[in-house]
């Protein structure tokens, strides 16, 4: 499951779905700026591991995140990465001041 989320396009799909809710393939294609077959391939992979659910109405298929805790996982990772970035900036600033 983590491997399925690791691709940049798939991470963007999860971000869009967690932020904007249910989306159809054409909306995701437009938001991502990649081809429809590419989006469909990534959706299929995520659906296959249970990350996404879908509803088919006629020809239109809309996708959603099956478990909202996935969005919380991404928020947690964002927090960790931002804290680490700030820590590195502070350390770099101290090193820069020390060498002057």
Protein backbone atom coordinates (compact mmCIF):
# COMPACT_ATOMS: atom_id res chain seq x y z
CA UNK A 1 0.00 0.00 0.00
CA UNK A 2 2.80 2.42 0.87
CA UNK A 3 4.52 1.55 -2.39
CA UNK A 4 1.30 2.36 -4.27
CA UNK A 5 1.19 5.80 -2.63
CA UNK A 6 4.86 6.56 -3.26
CA UNK A 7 4.52 7.77 -6.87
CA UNK A 8 4.29 11.60 -7.23
CA UNK A 9 1.15 11.47 -9.39
CA UNK A 10 -0.55 9.13 -6.93
CA UNK A 11 0.38 11.41 -4.06
CA UNK A 12 -1.20 14.32 -5.95
CA UNK A 13 -4.34 12.26 -6.58
CA UNK A 14 -4.64 11.51 -2.86
CA UNK A 15 -4.09 15.19 -2.09
CA UNK A 16 -6.81 16.26 -4.54
CA UNK A 17 -9.29 13.67 -3.31
CA UNK A 18 -8.66 14.45 0.35
CA UNK A 19 -8.95 18.19 -0.24
CA UNK A 20 -11.75 18.34 -2.83
CA UNK A 21 -13.62 15.08 -2.25
CA UNK A 22 -14.96 12.74 -4.90
CA UNK A 23 -13.63 13.39 -8.42
CA UNK A 24 -14.20 11.90 -11.85
CA UNK A 25 -11.33 10.84 -14.10
CA UNK A 26 -11.67 13.87 -16.39
CA UNK A 27 -11.47 16.29 -13.42
CA UNK A 28 -8.36 14.53 -12.13
CA UNK A 29 -6.85 14.54 -15.63
CA UNK A 30 -7.34 18.28 -15.88
CA UNK A 31 -6.05 18.97 -12.36
CA UNK A 32 -2.94 16.85 -12.86
CA UNK A 33 -2.14 17.95 -16.40
CA UNK A 34 -1.41 14.41 -17.59
CA UNK A 35 -3.17 12.13 -20.05
CA UNK A 36 -6.37 10.28 -19.21
CA UNK A 37 -4.75 6.83 -19.69
CA UNK A 38 -2.00 7.83 -17.23
CA UNK A 39 -4.54 8.93 -14.62
CA UNK A 40 -6.59 5.76 -15.16
CA UNK A 41 -3.49 3.60 -14.70
CA UNK A 42 -2.64 5.26 -11.39
CA UNK A 43 -6.25 5.10 -10.18
CA UNK A 44 -6.34 1.41 -11.02
CA UNK A 45 -3.19 0.73 -9.00
CA UNK A 46 -4.55 2.59 -5.97
CA UNK A 47 -7.94 0.94 -6.29
CA UNK A 48 -6.20 -2.45 -6.49
CA UNK A 49 -4.54 -2.04 -3.10
CA UNK A 50 -7.69 -0.69 -1.48
CA UNK A 51 -6.77 3.00 -1.19
CA UNK A 52 -9.59 4.23 -3.40
CA UNK A 53 -13.21 3.39 -3.90
CA UNK A 54 -15.31 4.31 -6.90
CA UNK A 55 -18.90 4.77 -7.97
CA UNK A 56 -19.96 4.20 -11.56
CA UNK A 57 -23.01 6.05 -12.83
CA UNK A 58 -23.56 5.40 -16.51
CA UNK A 59 -20.29 6.19 -18.24
CA UNK A 60 -18.97 8.39 -15.45
CA UNK A 61 -16.77 6.94 -12.71
CA UNK A 62 -15.99 8.99 -9.62
CA UNK A 63 -13.24 8.10 -7.18
CA UNK A 64 -12.91 8.71 -3.46
CA UNK A 65 -10.49 7.85 -0.69
CA UNK A 66 -11.79 4.72 1.04
CA UNK A 67 -10.33 5.57 4.44
CA UNK A 68 -10.08 9.20 5.57
CA UNK A 69 -7.11 8.33 7.81
CA UNK A 70 -4.93 8.37 4.65
CA UNK A 71 -5.34 12.15 4.50
CA UNK A 72 -4.32 12.35 8.17
CA UNK A 73 -1.21 10.29 7.39
CA UNK A 74 -0.23 12.82 4.72
CA UNK A 75 -0.84 15.73 7.09
CA UNK A 76 1.36 14.02 9.66
CA UNK A 77 4.13 13.48 7.10
CA UNK A 78 3.86 17.14 6.04
CA UNK A 79 4.33 18.22 9.66
CA UNK A 80 7.37 15.99 10.11
CA UNK A 81 8.97 17.20 6.87
CA UNK A 82 8.29 20.88 7.61
CA UNK A 83 9.76 20.56 11.10
CA UNK A 84 12.83 18.84 9.68
CA UNK A 85 13.20 21.55 7.03
CA UNK A 86 13.03 24.28 9.67
CA UNK A 87 15.58 22.45 11.81
CA UNK A 88 17.95 22.21 8.82
CA UNK A 89 17.46 25.90 7.98
CA UNK A 90 18.28 26.88 11.56
CA UNK A 91 21.38 24.68 11.55
CA UNK A 92 22.54 26.09 8.20
CA UNK A 93 22.00 29.63 9.46
CA UNK A 94 24.11 28.92 12.55
CA UNK A 95 26.87 27.39 10.42
CA UNK A 96 26.80 30.35 8.03
CA UNK A 97 27.00 32.87 10.92
CA UNK A 98 29.84 30.90 12.52
CA UNK A 99 31.98 30.95 9.38
CA UNK A 100 31.64 34.72 8.85
